[in-house]
Protein backbone atom coordinates (compact mmCIF):
# COMPACT_ATOMS: atom_id res chain seq x y z
CA MET A 1 -10.77 1.60 15.75
CA SER A 2 -8.98 3.95 18.18
CA HIS A 3 -5.62 2.47 17.14
CA VAL A 4 -6.29 3.35 13.49
CA ARG A 5 -4.30 6.45 12.51
CA ASN A 6 -5.29 6.63 8.87
CA ARG A 7 -9.07 6.20 8.98
CA TYR A 8 -9.51 7.94 5.63
CA LEU A 9 -7.50 5.21 3.89
CA LEU A 10 -10.00 2.53 4.93
CA PRO A 11 -12.94 3.80 2.81
CA LEU A 12 -10.53 4.55 -0.03
CA ASP A 13 -9.21 0.98 0.11
CA ALA A 14 -12.77 -0.36 0.24
CA ALA A 15 -13.73 1.61 -2.86
CA LEU A 16 -10.56 0.60 -4.72
CA VAL A 17 -10.88 -3.11 -3.88
CA THR A 18 -14.52 -3.12 -4.99
CA ALA A 19 -13.78 -1.13 -8.16
CA SER A 20 -10.94 -3.48 -9.01
CA ALA A 21 -13.15 -6.58 -8.89
CA LEU A 22 -15.91 -4.89 -10.90
CA PHE A 23 -13.39 -3.59 -13.43
CA PHE A 24 -12.03 -7.09 -14.04
CA TYR A 25 -15.54 -8.54 -14.26
CA ALA A 26 -16.34 -5.93 -16.95
CA LEU A 27 -13.05 -6.68 -18.68
CA ARG A 28 -13.63 -10.45 -18.53
CA PHE A 29 -17.11 -10.21 -20.03
CA GLU A 30 -16.25 -7.30 -22.34
CA GLY A 31 -18.81 -4.96 -20.83
CA LEU A 32 -21.57 -4.92 -18.27
CA ALA A 33 -23.86 -7.51 -19.89
CA TRP A 34 -23.20 -10.31 -17.42
CA SER A 35 -25.39 -13.35 -17.05
CA ALA A 36 -27.67 -13.50 -14.00
CA GLU A 37 -25.42 -16.17 -12.48
CA HIS A 38 -22.34 -13.98 -12.79
CA ARG A 39 -24.15 -10.88 -11.47
CA MET A 40 -25.13 -12.91 -8.40
CA ALA A 41 -21.59 -14.30 -8.09
CA ALA A 42 -20.06 -10.81 -8.40
CA ALA A 43 -22.36 -9.36 -5.74
CA ALA A 44 -21.81 -12.23 -3.29
CA TYR A 45 -18.06 -12.27 -3.93
CA ALA A 46 -17.76 -8.51 -3.36
CA THR A 47 -19.86 -8.77 -0.20
CA VAL A 48 -17.54 -11.38 1.28
CA ALA A 49 -14.17 -10.42 -0.27
CA LEU A 50 -14.25 -6.76 0.72
CA PRO A 51 -14.46 -7.26 4.50
CA THR A 52 -11.95 -10.10 4.19
CA CYS A 53 -9.44 -7.82 2.45
CA ILE A 54 -10.01 -4.97 4.92
CA ALA A 55 -9.58 -7.35 7.88
CA ILE A 56 -6.30 -8.59 6.41
CA PHE A 57 -5.10 -5.02 5.83
CA VAL A 58 -6.02 -4.10 9.43
CA GLY A 59 -4.20 -7.21 10.65
CA PHE A 60 -1.06 -6.17 8.78
CA GLY A 61 -1.26 -2.67 10.30
CA LEU A 62 -1.83 -0.76 7.06
CA TYR A 63 -3.97 1.79 8.91
CA ARG A 64 -1.62 2.29 11.88
CA ARG A 65 1.50 3.44 10.06
CA LEU A 66 2.70 6.97 9.40
CA TRP A 67 3.04 6.69 5.64
CA ARG A 68 4.93 9.92 5.07
CA TYR A 69 7.91 8.24 6.77
CA ALA A 70 7.50 4.93 4.93
CA SER A 71 10.52 2.94 3.81
CA ILE A 72 11.16 -0.28 1.92
CA ALA A 73 9.99 -2.26 4.95
CA GLU A 74 6.52 -0.71 4.67
CA VAL A 75 6.39 -1.48 0.94
CA GLN A 76 7.16 -5.09 1.82
CA VAL A 77 4.29 -5.08 4.34
CA ILE A 78 1.92 -3.75 1.64
CA PHE A 79 3.10 -6.47 -0.73
CA VAL A 80 2.68 -9.29 1.81
CA ALA A 81 -0.73 -7.93 2.91
CA GLY A 82 -1.80 -7.72 -0.73
CA LEU A 83 -0.62 -11.26 -1.43
CA SER A 84 -2.43 -12.53 1.66
CA ALA A 85 -5.65 -10.79 0.60
CA PHE A 86 -5.18 -12.17 -2.92
CA ALA A 87 -4.82 -15.74 -1.61
CA ALA A 88 -7.88 -15.36 0.62
CA CYS A 89 -9.95 -13.95 -2.26
CA VAL A 90 -8.89 -16.77 -4.60
CA ALA A 91 -9.92 -19.30 -1.97
CA LEU A 92 -13.25 -17.53 -1.46
CA GLY A 93 -14.15 -16.94 -5.10
CA ALA A 94 -12.86 -20.13 -6.64
CA TYR A 95 -13.52 -22.69 -3.91
CA ILE A 96 -15.33 -21.72 -0.69
CA LEU A 97 -18.33 -19.72 -1.98
CA PRO A 98 -19.16 -22.19 -4.79
CA ALA A 99 -18.67 -25.21 -2.50
CA LEU A 100 -21.07 -23.73 0.07
CA GLY A 101 -23.61 -23.04 -2.66
CA ILE A 102 -23.57 -19.31 -1.97
CA ILE A 103 -22.78 -18.55 -5.62
CA PRO A 104 -23.96 -20.65 -8.57
CA VAL A 105 -20.67 -20.35 -10.51
CA ARG A 106 -17.14 -19.74 -9.37
CA VAL A 107 -15.62 -16.32 -9.86
CA PRO A 108 -13.56 -16.38 -13.08
CA LEU A 109 -9.83 -16.79 -12.46
CA THR A 110 -9.10 -13.76 -14.64
CA VAL A 111 -11.15 -11.65 -12.22
CA LEU A 112 -9.48 -13.15 -9.16
CA VAL A 113 -5.92 -12.87 -10.45
CA GLY A 114 -6.35 -9.53 -12.19
CA SER A 115 -8.05 -7.80 -9.29
CA GLY A 116 -5.62 -9.37 -6.81
CA VAL A 117 -2.61 -8.00 -8.66
CA LEU A 118 -4.25 -4.63 -9.26
CA ASN A 119 -5.23 -4.39 -5.58
CA ILE A 120 -1.60 -4.50 -4.51
CA GLY A 121 -0.85 -1.48 -6.69
CA LEU A 122 -4.05 0.31 -5.69
CA ILE A 123 -3.36 -0.19 -1.99
CA ALA A 124 0.27 0.94 -2.35
CA ALA A 125 -0.39 4.01 -4.52
CA PRO A 126 -2.05 6.37 -2.00
CA ARG A 127 0.39 5.37 0.72
CA MET A 128 3.42 5.97 -1.46
CA LEU A 129 1.94 9.29 -2.62
CA MET A 130 1.67 10.24 1.05
CA ARG A 131 5.30 9.23 1.46
CA LEU A 132 6.37 11.35 -1.50
CA GLY A 133 4.27 14.27 -0.32
CA GLY A 134 5.73 14.06 3.17
CA TRP A 135 9.31 14.03 1.90
CA SER A 136 8.77 16.90 -0.52
CA ARG A 137 7.22 18.95 2.29
CA VAL A 138 10.25 18.20 4.45
CA HIS A 139 12.64 19.17 1.66
CA ARG A 140 10.81 22.46 1.10
CA ASN A 141 11.33 23.28 4.77
CA LEU A 142 15.11 22.89 4.50
CA GLN A 143 15.95 26.56 4.21
CA GLY A 144 16.22 29.71 6.25
CA ASP A 145 18.30 29.94 9.42
CA GLN A 146 18.96 26.24 9.81
CA ARG A 147 22.37 24.97 10.85
CA ARG A 148 24.31 23.31 8.07
CA VAL A 149 25.56 19.90 9.21
CA LEU A 150 27.83 17.15 7.94
CA ILE A 151 26.90 13.59 8.84
CA ALA A 152 29.76 11.37 9.98
CA GLY A 153 29.39 8.01 8.22
CA ALA A 154 27.80 7.41 4.83
CA GLY A 155 26.57 3.90 5.61
CA THR A 156 23.32 2.70 7.08
CA ALA A 157 23.70 4.69 10.29
CA GLY A 158 24.37 7.89 8.37
CA GLN A 159 21.33 7.34 6.18
CA THR A 160 19.23 6.77 9.28
CA ILE A 161 20.47 10.05 10.74
CA LEU A 162 19.66 11.84 7.47
CA LYS A 163 16.11 10.46 7.48
CA GLU A 164 15.69 11.54 11.08
CA ILE A 165 16.85 15.08 10.29
CA TRP A 166 14.46 15.28 7.32
CA ALA A 167 11.59 13.84 9.34
CA ASN A 168 12.06 16.41 12.14
CA PRO A 169 12.27 19.95 10.74
CA GLY A 170 12.16 21.23 14.31
CA LEU A 171 15.82 20.21 14.66
CA GLN A 172 16.65 23.21 12.45
CA MET A 173 19.38 21.27 10.60
CA HIS A 174 20.24 21.29 6.91
CA PRO A 175 22.40 18.29 5.96
CA ILE A 176 24.93 19.26 3.31
CA GLY A 177 26.86 16.01 3.00
CA PHE A 178 28.48 12.95 4.49
CA VAL A 179 32.04 12.30 5.62
CA ASP A 180 33.32 8.75 5.66
CA ASP A 181 36.69 7.02 5.82
CA ASP A 182 35.60 4.51 3.14
CA SER A 183 36.87 5.88 -0.19
CA ALA A 184 34.51 3.52 -2.07
CA LYS A 185 31.60 5.71 -0.94
CA LEU A 186 33.09 8.88 -2.43
CA GLY A 187 30.69 10.67 -4.78
CA TYR A 188 27.62 8.53 -4.07
CA LYS A 189 24.28 10.21 -3.50
C-alpha cells in the first residue's frame, strides 16, 4: 500500500459501495423486511463484491492519482473502472455466486444495475470535489505581488501552460490572457 497516495479514499469507497448495494436492496424490497434468502444473498454478495470493486479500483490507479489536478482523462478512468467493477459485480451476483451455491437466490438485477450505476457517481464525487477544491484554492492564491503574464497560443499547448501555472502557485504568475494568431479563437474563455 506504499504506492497509495489517497488512503483515505479507500475506506470512503468501501463504505459508499456497500451503502449503494444495501440502498438498492432496500429500494427493491421497499424496506428492510427481506426474506432470509435475500438477507443471506445480500451479505454474501457484499462480502465478495466489495473487495472485488476495491481491487479493480486499485488496479485502475484510483488511489494513486493527485485528484486536485484531475482532468477529463481521470474522469474517463473513473468511468472505465466503474464499468469494470459493475461488470464484475453483475457476474458475481447474477451468475457465479448462485452457480457455486454460495447464495440461495441470485442478486436481483435491479440491485446490480442500480448500485453499479450509482457506484460510478459515488466514486467520482469525492474525487471531483477534491479537484474543484484544489482549483479554487489555486485561484484564491492568484493575487498579491505575482507577475502578470500573457500566454502565447490559445490552443492545447496554451491551456496546458495555464493549468501548469495554476497548479504551481510558487511560480508567482498571474495569467491575464492569451495571444494567438488564429482570429477564430478571439473572445473565447
